N, C-alpha and C. Protein backbone atom coordinates (compact mmCIF):
# COMPACT_ATOMS: atom_id res chain seq x y z
N UNK A 1 36.58 238.96 139.85
CA UNK A 1 37.71 238.29 139.16
C UNK A 1 37.71 236.83 139.41
N UNK A 2 37.64 236.55 140.85
CA UNK A 2 37.67 235.02 141.31
C UNK A 2 36.53 234.15 140.40
N UNK A 3 35.11 235.03 140.50
CA UNK A 3 34.07 234.34 139.95
C UNK A 3 34.36 234.02 138.39
N UNK A 4 34.96 234.94 137.64
CA UNK A 4 35.22 234.82 136.21
C UNK A 4 36.24 233.81 135.91
N UNK A 5 37.08 233.63 136.82
CA UNK A 5 38.38 232.38 136.76
C UNK A 5 37.52 231.15 136.77
N UNK A 6 36.87 231.24 138.03
CA UNK A 6 36.25 230.03 138.25
C UNK A 6 35.18 229.59 136.96
N UNK A 7 34.63 230.33 136.44
CA UNK A 7 33.64 230.05 135.01
C UNK A 7 34.63 229.38 134.09
N UNK A 8 35.94 230.08 133.97
CA UNK A 8 36.74 229.72 132.79
C UNK A 8 37.34 228.37 133.07
N UNK A 9 37.72 228.06 134.48
CA UNK A 9 38.29 226.74 135.02
C UNK A 9 37.17 225.57 134.70
N UNK A 10 35.82 226.10 135.08
CA UNK A 10 34.71 225.11 134.88
C UNK A 10 34.59 224.69 133.40
N UNK A 11 34.63 225.87 132.52
CA UNK A 11 34.57 225.58 131.11
C UNK A 11 35.61 224.76 130.42
N UNK A 12 36.93 224.88 130.84
CA UNK A 12 37.96 224.26 130.38
C UNK A 12 37.79 222.92 130.89
N UNK A 13 37.22 222.44 132.13
CA UNK A 13 37.33 221.24 132.57
C UNK A 13 36.12 220.47 131.67
N UNK A 14 35.07 221.00 131.52
CA UNK A 14 33.90 220.57 130.62
C UNK A 14 34.46 220.13 129.32
N UNK A 15 35.13 221.30 128.78
CA UNK A 15 35.59 220.87 127.23
C UNK A 15 36.58 219.62 127.34
N UNK A 16 37.51 219.57 128.51
CA UNK A 16 38.19 218.29 128.40
C UNK A 16 37.58 217.12 128.72
N UNK A 17 36.38 217.07 129.17
CA UNK A 17 35.59 215.84 129.27
C UNK A 17 34.92 215.35 127.99
N UNK A 18 34.81 216.26 127.14
CA UNK A 18 34.08 216.11 125.93
C UNK A 18 35.19 215.79 124.98
N UNK A 19 36.47 216.09 124.85
CA UNK A 19 37.34 215.79 123.96
C UNK A 19 38.74 215.44 124.67
N UNK A 20 39.50 215.06 124.00
CA UNK A 20 40.90 214.91 124.64
C UNK A 20 41.74 216.16 124.56
N UNK A 21 42.02 216.46 125.86
CA UNK A 21 43.17 217.78 126.14
C UNK A 21 44.18 217.36 126.27
N UNK A 22 45.23 217.62 125.32
CA UNK A 22 46.67 217.32 125.66
C UNK A 22 47.57 218.57 125.41
N UNK A 23 48.90 218.19 125.76
CA UNK A 23 49.66 219.37 125.65
C UNK A 23 51.04 218.70 125.22
N UNK A 24 51.44 219.10 123.96
CA UNK A 24 52.94 218.53 123.50
C UNK A 24 54.05 219.43 124.06
N UNK A 25 54.71 218.64 124.88
CA UNK A 25 56.01 219.47 125.57
C UNK A 25 57.09 218.99 124.52
N UNK A 26 58.09 219.89 124.23
CA UNK A 26 59.08 219.97 123.62
C UNK A 26 60.40 220.76 124.12
N UNK A 27 61.10 220.25 124.88
CA UNK A 27 62.36 220.86 125.79
C UNK A 27 63.56 220.42 125.26
N UNK A 28 64.59 221.41 124.90
CA UNK A 28 66.01 220.80 124.45
C UNK A 28 66.99 221.61 124.67
N UNK A 29 68.17 221.43 124.67
CA UNK A 29 69.32 221.81 124.90
C UNK A 29 70.63 221.23 124.69
N UNK A 30 71.73 221.94 124.81
CA UNK A 30 73.19 221.38 124.46
C UNK A 30 74.01 221.60 125.89
N UNK A 31 74.50 220.58 126.40
CA UNK A 31 75.47 220.75 127.61
C UNK A 31 76.92 220.73 127.30
N UNK A 32 77.56 221.69 127.47
CA UNK A 32 79.00 221.77 127.18
C UNK A 32 79.89 222.21 128.47
N UNK A 33 81.11 221.70 128.25
CA UNK A 33 82.07 221.72 129.60
C UNK A 33 82.13 223.34 129.89
N UNK A 34 82.52 224.25 129.21
CA UNK A 34 82.68 225.51 129.72
C UNK A 34 82.90 226.44 128.52
N UNK A 35 83.02 227.68 128.86
CA UNK A 35 83.06 228.74 127.97
C UNK A 35 84.49 228.72 127.30
N UNK A 36 85.49 228.33 128.12
CA UNK A 36 86.94 228.02 127.55
C UNK A 36 86.98 226.89 126.80
N UNK A 37 86.25 225.88 127.04
CA UNK A 37 86.47 224.53 126.49
C UNK A 37 85.10 224.22 126.06
N UNK A 38 84.44 224.59 124.89
CA UNK A 38 83.10 224.49 124.72
C UNK A 38 82.66 223.13 123.93
N UNK A 39 83.07 222.12 124.39
CA UNK A 39 82.87 220.79 123.89
C UNK A 39 81.73 220.09 124.60
N UNK A 40 80.76 219.35 123.75
CA UNK A 40 79.80 218.73 124.20
C UNK A 40 79.96 217.72 125.11
N UNK A 41 79.26 217.56 126.30
CA UNK A 41 79.39 216.46 127.45
C UNK A 41 78.27 215.43 127.08
N UNK A 42 79.01 214.17 126.90
CA UNK A 42 77.96 212.94 126.48
C UNK A 42 77.86 212.16 127.62
N UNK A 43 76.54 211.49 127.78
CA UNK A 43 76.27 210.47 128.63
C UNK A 43 75.88 211.26 130.23
N UNK A 44 75.26 212.32 129.81
CA UNK A 44 74.54 212.98 131.24
C UNK A 44 73.60 212.61 131.29
N UNK A 45 72.81 211.65 132.54
CA UNK A 45 71.56 211.55 132.64
C UNK A 45 70.61 212.65 133.04
N UNK A 46 69.30 212.83 132.51
CA UNK A 46 68.70 213.73 133.01
C UNK A 46 67.18 213.07 132.97
N UNK A 47 66.46 213.74 134.03
CA UNK A 47 65.15 213.45 134.52
C UNK A 47 64.29 214.44 134.67
N UNK A 48 63.20 214.56 134.02
CA UNK A 48 62.31 215.65 133.99
C UNK A 48 60.99 215.31 134.69
N UNK A 49 60.87 215.63 135.82
CA UNK A 49 59.58 215.23 136.47
C UNK A 49 58.50 216.29 136.08
N UNK A 50 57.06 215.77 136.13
CA UNK A 50 56.08 216.72 136.15
C UNK A 50 55.02 216.09 136.51
N UNK A 51 53.76 216.68 136.57
CA UNK A 51 52.63 216.25 137.04
C UNK A 51 51.98 215.06 136.73
N UNK A 52 52.35 214.38 135.54
CA UNK A 52 51.87 213.15 135.11
C UNK A 52 52.87 212.16 135.31
N UNK A 53 54.21 212.25 135.53
CA UNK A 53 55.18 211.55 135.92
C UNK A 53 56.64 211.71 135.83
N UNK A 54 57.53 210.96 134.98
CA UNK A 54 58.84 211.42 134.76
C UNK A 54 59.37 211.02 133.51
N UNK A 55 59.98 211.67 132.88
CA UNK A 55 60.44 211.36 131.50
C UNK A 55 62.37 211.37 131.67
N UNK A 56 62.82 210.49 131.07
CA UNK A 56 64.30 210.71 131.14
C UNK A 56 65.10 210.92 129.98
N UNK A 57 66.21 211.20 129.67
CA UNK A 57 66.98 211.34 128.55
C UNK A 57 68.46 211.44 128.88
N UNK A 58 69.35 211.23 127.91
CA UNK A 58 70.95 211.03 127.94
C UNK A 58 71.47 211.92 126.98
N UNK A 59 72.53 212.67 127.18
CA UNK A 59 73.31 213.74 126.33
C UNK A 59 73.85 212.99 125.25
N UNK A 60 73.75 213.29 123.89
CA UNK A 60 74.39 212.30 122.99
C UNK A 60 76.02 212.95 122.77
N UNK A 61 76.83 212.47 121.82
CA UNK A 61 78.15 212.83 121.67
C UNK A 61 78.25 214.37 121.58
N UNK A 62 77.42 215.24 121.19
CA UNK A 62 77.67 216.47 121.11
C UNK A 62 76.99 217.29 122.14
N UNK A 63 76.67 216.52 123.26
CA UNK A 63 76.02 217.11 124.35
C UNK A 63 74.71 217.58 124.43
N UNK A 64 73.87 217.18 123.29
CA UNK A 64 72.48 217.39 123.25
C UNK A 64 71.61 216.68 123.90
N UNK A 65 70.40 217.02 124.40
CA UNK A 65 69.39 216.30 124.95
C UNK A 65 67.97 216.71 124.32
N UNK A 66 67.01 215.83 124.52
CA UNK A 66 65.69 216.38 123.80
C UNK A 66 64.53 215.72 124.56
N UNK A 67 63.66 216.48 125.25
CA UNK A 67 62.43 215.79 125.98
C UNK A 67 61.35 216.30 124.76
N UNK A 68 60.60 215.20 124.57
CA UNK A 68 59.60 215.46 123.54
C UNK A 68 58.59 214.47 124.04
N UNK A 69 57.20 214.91 124.65
CA UNK A 69 56.12 214.02 124.99
C UNK A 69 54.77 214.83 124.99
N UNK A 70 53.74 213.97 125.24
CA UNK A 70 52.41 214.64 125.25
C UNK A 70 51.84 214.11 126.76
N UNK A 71 51.43 214.95 127.18
CA UNK A 71 50.53 214.94 128.68
C UNK A 71 48.94 215.29 128.37
N UNK A 72 48.36 214.24 129.22
CA UNK A 72 46.82 214.48 129.15
C UNK A 72 46.48 215.27 130.46
N UNK A 73 45.99 216.51 130.38
CA UNK A 73 45.67 217.10 131.52
C UNK A 73 44.31 217.89 131.40
N UNK A 74 43.63 218.18 132.67
CA UNK A 74 42.40 218.82 132.43
C UNK A 74 42.71 220.10 133.54
N UNK A 75 43.71 220.51 133.69
CA UNK A 75 43.86 221.57 134.35
C UNK A 75 44.94 222.68 133.69
N UNK A 76 45.10 223.69 134.38
CA UNK A 76 45.98 224.65 133.80
C UNK A 76 47.46 224.59 133.91
N UNK A 77 47.73 223.55 134.83
CA UNK A 77 49.14 223.47 135.09
C UNK A 77 49.79 221.88 135.17
N UNK A 78 50.63 221.58 134.20
CA UNK A 78 51.15 220.19 134.09
C UNK A 78 52.16 219.97 135.30
N UNK A 79 52.45 221.03 135.56
CA UNK A 79 53.92 220.90 136.60
C UNK A 79 53.23 220.22 138.30
N UNK A 80 51.92 220.30 138.38
CA UNK A 80 51.46 220.01 139.50
C UNK A 80 51.87 221.00 140.59
N UNK A 81 51.67 222.03 140.26
CA UNK A 81 51.69 223.47 141.26
C UNK A 81 53.09 223.66 141.67
N UNK A 82 54.42 223.02 141.21
CA UNK A 82 55.48 223.33 141.66
C UNK A 82 56.40 223.80 140.56
N UNK A 83 57.35 224.51 140.60
CA UNK A 83 58.26 224.88 139.68
C UNK A 83 58.83 223.65 138.90
N UNK A 84 58.98 223.65 137.69
CA UNK A 84 59.37 222.19 136.93
C UNK A 84 60.84 222.46 137.19
N UNK A 85 61.52 221.28 137.12
CA UNK A 85 62.92 221.13 137.06
C UNK A 85 63.44 219.82 136.40
N UNK A 86 64.52 220.15 135.84
CA UNK A 86 65.08 218.89 135.20
C UNK A 86 66.40 218.71 136.08
N UNK A 87 66.45 217.18 136.59
CA UNK A 87 67.57 216.76 137.37
C UNK A 87 68.67 216.24 136.48
N UNK A 88 69.86 216.71 136.55
CA UNK A 88 70.88 215.98 135.99
C UNK A 88 72.04 215.37 136.69
N UNK A 89 72.78 214.22 136.31
CA UNK A 89 73.93 213.76 137.06
C UNK A 89 74.93 213.40 136.28
N UNK A 90 76.19 213.66 136.34
CA UNK A 90 77.22 213.46 135.80
C UNK A 90 78.09 212.30 136.77
N UNK A 91 79.48 212.14 136.45
CA UNK A 91 80.21 211.37 137.08
C UNK A 91 80.64 211.91 138.29
N UNK A 92 80.61 213.09 138.42
CA UNK A 92 81.41 214.00 139.64
C UNK A 92 80.42 214.71 140.31
N UNK A 93 79.07 215.22 139.77
CA UNK A 93 78.15 216.05 140.30
C UNK A 93 76.78 215.86 139.82
N UNK A 94 75.84 216.53 140.62
CA UNK A 94 74.57 216.46 140.20
C UNK A 94 73.97 217.82 140.65
N UNK A 95 72.76 218.01 139.81
CA UNK A 95 72.05 219.36 140.03
C UNK A 95 70.74 219.59 139.40
N UNK A 96 70.08 220.62 139.31
CA UNK A 96 68.81 220.74 138.61
C UNK A 96 68.86 222.04 137.72
N UNK A 97 68.03 221.92 136.66
CA UNK A 97 68.11 222.84 135.67
C UNK A 97 66.52 223.56 135.89
N UNK A 98 66.51 224.91 135.72
CA UNK A 98 65.21 225.48 135.85
C UNK A 98 64.40 225.42 134.46
N UNK A 99 63.14 225.21 134.38
CA UNK A 99 62.32 225.01 133.33
C UNK A 99 61.31 226.03 133.44
N UNK A 100 61.17 227.11 132.23
CA UNK A 100 59.98 227.76 132.12
C UNK A 100 58.56 227.21 132.12
N UNK A 101 57.57 227.62 132.66
CA UNK A 101 56.25 227.12 132.32
C UNK A 101 55.88 227.29 131.02
N UNK A 102 56.39 226.28 129.96
CA UNK A 102 56.36 227.00 128.54
C UNK A 102 56.28 225.25 127.96
N UNK A 103 55.36 225.27 127.14
CA UNK A 103 55.31 223.80 126.52
C UNK A 103 56.60 223.71 125.50
N UNK A 104 57.02 224.75 125.07
CA UNK A 104 58.35 224.62 124.19
C UNK A 104 59.33 225.45 124.54
N UNK A 105 60.74 224.79 124.89
CA UNK A 105 61.76 225.87 125.17
C UNK A 105 62.97 225.39 124.69
N UNK A 106 63.98 225.90 124.16
CA UNK A 106 65.36 225.34 123.81
C UNK A 106 66.47 226.54 124.84
N UNK A 107 67.10 225.85 125.50
CA UNK A 107 68.01 226.35 126.47
C UNK A 107 69.17 227.03 125.63
N UNK A 108 69.74 226.42 124.52
CA UNK A 108 70.45 226.71 123.95
C UNK A 108 71.78 226.05 124.44
N UNK A 109 72.83 226.73 124.75
CA UNK A 109 74.09 226.24 125.42
C UNK A 109 74.01 226.13 126.95
N UNK A 110 74.23 225.00 127.63
CA UNK A 110 74.27 225.02 129.00
C UNK A 110 75.83 224.75 129.42
N UNK A 111 76.45 225.45 130.31
CA UNK A 111 77.75 225.30 130.44
C UNK A 111 77.69 224.46 131.96
N UNK A 112 78.59 223.50 132.17
CA UNK A 112 78.56 222.82 133.40
C UNK A 112 79.58 223.74 134.27
N UNK A 113 80.69 224.31 133.93
CA UNK A 113 81.37 225.00 134.62
C UNK A 113 81.58 226.53 133.87
N UNK A 114 80.75 227.32 134.59
CA UNK A 114 80.48 228.61 134.02
C UNK A 114 80.70 229.74 134.90
N UNK A 115 81.75 230.58 134.59
CA UNK A 115 82.12 231.50 135.41
C UNK A 115 82.11 232.95 134.45
N UNK A 116 81.58 233.92 135.03
CA UNK A 116 81.23 235.29 134.42
C UNK A 116 81.78 236.28 135.43
N UNK A 117 82.17 237.45 134.98
CA UNK A 117 82.37 238.82 135.66
C UNK A 117 81.24 239.35 135.73
N UNK A 118 80.84 239.84 137.09
CA UNK A 118 79.94 240.66 137.34
C UNK A 118 79.96 241.73 138.13
N UNK A 119 79.52 242.81 137.58
CA UNK A 119 79.59 244.27 138.26
C UNK A 119 78.41 244.61 138.87
N UNK A 120 78.36 245.22 140.00
CA UNK A 120 77.24 245.67 140.65
C UNK A 120 76.92 247.25 140.59
N UNK A 121 75.60 247.67 140.27
CA UNK A 121 75.27 249.02 140.43
C UNK A 121 74.47 249.38 141.26
N UNK A 122 74.70 250.21 142.28
CA UNK A 122 74.02 250.29 143.43
C UNK A 122 72.79 251.43 143.28
N UNK A 123 71.67 251.43 143.55
CA UNK A 123 70.54 252.29 143.21
C UNK A 123 69.40 252.36 144.36
N UNK A 124 68.68 253.46 144.22
CA UNK A 124 67.46 253.39 145.27
C UNK A 124 67.72 253.78 146.53
N UNK A 125 69.02 254.32 146.86
CA UNK A 125 69.46 254.71 148.33
C UNK A 125 68.59 256.01 148.59
N UNK A 126 67.57 255.99 149.50
CA UNK A 126 67.19 257.37 150.00
C UNK A 126 68.20 258.36 150.71
N UNK A 127 68.12 259.57 150.53
CA UNK A 127 68.87 260.45 151.11
C UNK A 127 69.09 260.44 152.66
N UNK A 128 67.86 259.72 153.15
CA UNK A 128 67.69 259.88 154.75
C UNK A 128 68.63 258.57 155.18
N UNK A 129 68.93 257.85 154.34
CA UNK A 129 69.80 256.67 154.69
C UNK A 129 71.26 256.79 154.86
N UNK A 130 71.65 256.44 156.14
CA UNK A 130 73.23 256.30 156.30
C UNK A 130 73.84 255.09 156.27
N UNK A 131 74.50 254.57 155.23
CA UNK A 131 75.00 253.31 155.03
C UNK A 131 76.18 252.97 156.19
N UNK A 132 76.59 254.16 156.86
CA UNK A 132 77.63 254.04 157.81
C UNK A 132 77.14 253.05 159.10
N UNK A 133 75.71 252.84 159.24
CA UNK A 133 75.05 252.29 160.18
C UNK A 133 75.57 250.56 160.06
N UNK A 134 76.03 250.12 159.02
CA UNK A 134 76.58 248.84 158.57
C UNK A 134 77.97 248.76 158.88
N UNK A 135 78.47 248.17 159.91
CA UNK A 135 79.96 248.05 159.94
C UNK A 135 80.55 247.33 158.53
N UNK A 136 80.02 246.42 158.11
CA UNK A 136 80.39 245.94 156.78
C UNK A 136 79.28 245.10 156.12
N UNK A 137 79.48 245.07 154.75
CA UNK A 137 78.55 244.41 153.86
C UNK A 137 79.22 243.22 153.07
N UNK A 138 78.41 242.45 152.66
CA UNK A 138 78.98 241.62 151.57
C UNK A 138 77.96 241.03 150.70
N UNK A 139 78.47 240.58 149.61
CA UNK A 139 77.48 240.04 148.46
C UNK A 139 77.39 238.55 148.73
N UNK A 140 76.17 237.81 148.42
CA UNK A 140 76.13 236.44 148.04
C UNK A 140 75.36 236.32 147.11
N UNK A 141 75.76 235.25 146.15
CA UNK A 141 75.16 234.86 144.81
C UNK A 141 74.01 233.63 144.87
N UNK A 142 72.81 233.86 144.45
CA UNK A 142 71.84 232.85 144.46
C UNK A 142 71.42 232.41 145.60
N UNK A 143 72.00 232.59 146.80
CA UNK A 143 71.27 232.07 148.07
C UNK A 143 72.12 232.92 149.43
N UNK A 144 71.27 233.33 150.27
CA UNK A 144 71.93 234.01 151.48
C UNK A 144 72.54 233.04 152.32
N UNK A 145 72.45 231.56 152.20
CA UNK A 145 72.74 230.83 152.99
C UNK A 145 74.11 229.91 152.47
N UNK A 146 74.52 230.21 151.47
CA UNK A 146 75.64 229.58 150.74
C UNK A 146 76.90 230.22 151.22
N UNK A 147 78.04 229.33 151.24
CA UNK A 147 79.29 230.19 151.59
C UNK A 147 80.04 230.06 150.14
N UNK A 148 79.40 229.82 149.12
CA UNK A 148 80.04 229.81 147.86
C UNK A 148 79.72 231.12 147.22
N UNK A 149 80.46 231.84 146.43
CA UNK A 149 80.47 233.01 145.57
C UNK A 149 80.12 233.99 146.78
N UNK A 150 80.85 234.27 147.70
CA UNK A 150 80.63 235.18 148.75
C UNK A 150 81.85 236.30 148.80
N UNK A 151 81.34 237.65 148.51
CA UNK A 151 82.48 238.54 148.26
C UNK A 151 82.05 239.76 149.39
N UNK A 152 83.18 240.45 150.06
CA UNK A 152 83.24 241.55 150.64
C UNK A 152 82.95 242.90 149.77
N UNK A 153 82.14 243.89 150.27
CA UNK A 153 82.16 245.12 149.58
C UNK A 153 82.41 246.35 150.67
N UNK A 154 83.33 247.36 150.16
CA UNK A 154 83.56 248.37 150.90
C UNK A 154 82.43 249.33 151.06
N UNK A 155 81.53 249.43 152.16
CA UNK A 155 80.40 250.14 152.45
C UNK A 155 80.78 251.59 152.28
N UNK A 156 82.07 252.04 152.67
CA UNK A 156 82.12 253.50 152.44
C UNK A 156 82.16 254.02 150.85
N UNK A 157 82.28 252.84 149.99
CA UNK A 157 82.25 253.31 148.49
C UNK A 157 80.79 253.26 147.84
N UNK A 158 79.83 252.50 148.74
CA UNK A 158 78.54 252.68 148.12
C UNK A 158 77.65 253.76 148.10
N UNK A 159 77.19 254.10 146.93
CA UNK A 159 76.26 255.45 146.78
C UNK A 159 75.48 255.15 145.66
N UNK A 160 74.24 255.86 145.52
CA UNK A 160 73.51 255.81 144.22
C UNK A 160 74.34 256.00 142.95
N UNK A 161 74.46 254.92 142.09
CA UNK A 161 75.03 254.92 140.77
C UNK A 161 76.74 254.50 140.82
N UNK A 162 76.92 254.05 142.12
CA UNK A 162 78.45 253.27 142.19
C UNK A 162 78.24 251.95 141.68
N UNK A 163 79.42 251.75 140.78
CA UNK A 163 79.58 250.46 140.17
C UNK A 163 80.77 249.60 140.69
N UNK A 164 80.62 248.61 141.09
CA UNK A 164 81.61 248.03 141.83
C UNK A 164 82.64 247.40 140.80
N UNK A 165 83.82 247.03 141.20
CA UNK A 165 84.69 246.25 140.22
C UNK A 165 84.17 244.92 139.69
N UNK A 166 84.36 244.39 138.69
CA UNK A 166 83.80 243.05 138.31
C UNK A 166 84.22 241.87 139.55
N UNK A 167 83.28 241.02 139.84
CA UNK A 167 83.35 239.95 140.62
C UNK A 167 83.28 238.71 139.60
N UNK A 168 84.19 237.72 139.77
CA UNK A 168 84.12 236.37 139.39
C UNK A 168 83.10 235.32 140.02
N UNK A 169 81.97 235.30 139.33
CA UNK A 169 80.84 234.68 139.77
C UNK A 169 80.68 232.99 139.08
N UNK A 170 80.47 232.36 139.79
CA UNK A 170 79.98 230.85 139.26
C UNK A 170 78.55 230.97 138.93
N UNK A 171 78.30 230.47 137.85
CA UNK A 171 76.57 230.42 137.37
C UNK A 171 76.39 229.02 137.64
N UNK A 172 75.17 228.81 138.07
CA UNK A 172 74.79 227.54 138.09
C UNK A 172 74.13 226.84 137.04
N UNK A 173 74.45 225.98 136.32
CA UNK A 173 74.25 225.27 135.19
C UNK A 173 72.72 225.10 135.08
N UNK A 174 72.02 225.70 133.71
CA UNK A 174 70.63 225.77 133.43
C UNK A 174 69.84 226.27 134.67
N UNK A 175 70.26 227.37 135.39
CA UNK A 175 69.52 228.18 136.31
C UNK A 175 69.32 229.62 135.51
N UNK A 176 67.99 229.73 135.16
CA UNK A 176 67.56 230.83 134.51
C UNK A 176 67.42 232.11 135.16
N UNK A 177 67.86 232.40 136.54
CA UNK A 177 67.76 233.42 137.22
C UNK A 177 69.10 233.62 138.04
N UNK A 178 69.54 234.68 138.01
CA UNK A 178 70.77 235.32 138.71
C UNK A 178 70.40 236.36 139.96
N UNK A 179 70.37 235.75 141.04
CA UNK A 179 70.13 236.48 142.23
C UNK A 179 71.42 236.88 143.17
N UNK A 180 71.34 238.16 143.44
CA UNK A 180 72.71 238.56 144.06
C UNK A 180 72.07 239.32 145.32
N UNK A 181 72.41 239.00 146.66
CA UNK A 181 71.91 239.94 147.70
C UNK A 181 73.30 240.26 148.33
N UNK A 182 73.00 241.66 148.88
CA UNK A 182 73.84 242.47 149.79
C UNK A 182 73.46 242.45 151.19
N UNK A 183 74.27 241.98 151.87
CA UNK A 183 73.83 241.77 153.37
C UNK A 183 74.49 242.63 154.23
N UNK A 184 73.94 242.75 155.36
CA UNK A 184 74.73 243.46 156.68
C UNK A 184 75.46 242.22 157.20
N UNK A 185 76.95 242.23 157.47
CA UNK A 185 77.47 241.23 158.12
C UNK A 185 77.41 240.85 159.41
N UNK A 186 76.87 241.76 160.05
CA UNK A 186 76.56 241.68 161.55
C UNK A 186 75.22 241.03 161.85
N UNK A 187 74.26 241.35 160.96
CA UNK A 187 72.98 240.68 161.24
C UNK A 187 72.16 240.01 160.02
N UNK A 188 72.92 239.88 158.96
CA UNK A 188 72.46 239.02 158.02
C UNK A 188 71.30 239.64 157.20
N UNK A 189 70.94 240.85 157.57
CA UNK A 189 69.87 241.72 157.05
C UNK A 189 70.41 241.97 155.24
N UNK A 190 69.37 241.56 154.46
CA UNK A 190 69.30 242.05 153.07
C UNK A 190 69.36 243.33 152.97
N UNK A 191 70.28 244.18 152.41
CA UNK A 191 70.31 245.78 152.34
C UNK A 191 69.86 246.10 150.75
N UNK A 192 70.50 245.15 149.79
CA UNK A 192 70.20 245.61 148.47
C UNK A 192 70.02 244.18 147.83
N UNK A 193 69.22 244.23 146.68
CA UNK A 193 68.88 242.98 146.16
C UNK A 193 68.95 243.21 144.65
N UNK A 194 69.38 242.21 143.61
CA UNK A 194 69.41 242.47 142.15
C UNK A 194 68.90 240.98 141.75
N UNK A 195 68.49 241.26 140.53
CA UNK A 195 68.05 239.91 139.86
C UNK A 195 68.15 240.03 138.35
N UNK A 196 68.57 238.82 137.67
CA UNK A 196 68.65 238.97 136.14
C UNK A 196 68.20 237.66 135.76
N UNK A 197 67.37 237.90 134.68
CA UNK A 197 66.53 236.91 134.17
C UNK A 197 67.21 236.38 132.82
N UNK A 198 67.68 235.29 132.78
CA UNK A 198 68.51 234.63 131.57
C UNK A 198 67.28 233.97 130.66
N UNK A 199 66.30 233.86 131.02
CA UNK A 199 65.26 233.26 130.17
C UNK A 199 64.90 234.28 129.08
N UNK A 200 65.05 235.63 129.17
CA UNK A 200 64.98 236.65 128.19
C UNK A 200 66.46 237.04 127.33
N UNK A 201 67.48 236.99 128.01
CA UNK A 201 68.41 237.19 127.24
C UNK A 201 69.44 235.96 126.69
N UNK A 202 68.98 234.64 127.30
CA UNK A 202 69.78 233.50 126.83
C UNK A 202 71.07 233.07 127.93
N UNK A 203 71.16 231.88 128.15
CA UNK A 203 72.26 231.30 128.71
C UNK A 203 73.50 231.51 127.55
N UNK A 204 74.48 232.21 128.06
CA UNK A 204 75.65 232.17 127.01
C UNK A 204 76.82 232.60 127.51
N UNK A 205 77.98 232.77 126.80
CA UNK A 205 79.20 233.23 127.33
C UNK A 205 79.20 234.76 127.03
N UNK A 206 79.39 235.63 128.06
CA UNK A 206 79.38 236.93 127.79
C UNK A 206 81.02 237.77 127.48
N UNK A 207 81.05 238.45 126.61
CA UNK A 207 81.98 239.33 126.17
C UNK A 207 82.69 240.18 127.27
N UNK A 208 81.60 240.97 127.78
CA UNK A 208 81.78 241.88 128.86
C UNK A 208 81.14 241.66 130.26
N UNK A 209 81.58 242.32 131.24
CA UNK A 209 81.04 241.93 132.64
C UNK A 209 79.48 242.22 132.43
N UNK A 210 78.68 241.33 133.17
CA UNK A 210 77.36 241.31 133.44
C UNK A 210 77.00 242.48 134.43
N UNK A 211 76.11 243.54 133.97
CA UNK A 211 75.97 244.59 135.04
C UNK A 211 74.62 244.43 135.61
N UNK A 212 74.82 244.25 136.85
CA UNK A 212 73.47 244.20 137.71
C UNK A 212 73.05 245.15 138.51
N UNK A 213 71.61 245.69 138.59
CA UNK A 213 71.26 246.85 139.48
C UNK A 213 70.75 246.19 140.84
N UNK A 214 71.50 246.98 141.71
CA UNK A 214 71.30 246.37 143.25
C UNK A 214 70.35 247.59 143.79
N UNK A 215 68.89 247.06 143.98
CA UNK A 215 68.04 248.00 144.58
C UNK A 215 68.09 248.09 145.99
N UNK A 216 68.30 249.24 146.78
CA UNK A 216 67.96 249.32 148.32
C UNK A 216 66.49 248.68 148.67
N UNK A 217 66.68 247.90 149.70
CA UNK A 217 65.45 247.56 150.50
C UNK A 217 65.34 248.32 151.76
N UNK A 218 64.15 248.65 151.90
CA UNK A 218 63.52 249.36 153.19
C UNK A 218 63.80 248.23 154.19
N UNK A 219 64.14 248.53 155.44
CA UNK A 219 64.09 247.51 156.30
C UNK A 219 62.58 247.32 156.92
């Protein structure tokens, strides 16, 4: 497999030396205030860093932005080996959007202040595991090290198929994955883990609570 990949990479390089190999990048979206106040936010500065340099854009009166450029590359990854990101800056905050490794992508609507109800369904717990070994557990959203979006969970209620009441969770603007960790409060060991990919279902305001499947992790 490695030998075949090397031959393909060599062939791609040879072809790019005999012709101009380019990729047309077209990424757009619209930045809105919130689900409750879906108005465009004008004047947000965005920077898109990639393997060949940096592109800049500013949202218009409707909150829309558009990156459209061409890169000359003789390899398979214009992002330079790292995950692509778009930095954004407002009057009061800054952050980063995730970008799929795709030449063309439309975020649709990105909300700067985005809160959604999220319910957790626990699953994959072996019969041999006694959850009472954990004095208490809590969930953390997107980072095990963040103090934001942290909620306690009643360990006595957790079992296969148990669904928690909804938690009000802040979604990070332009972040295409939602990761929820369930940790042992005394050791910070991750006991359950759940992921949701917004690249597939789209960034949007949800009418009902988002249901996350939390898989048990063997220690």
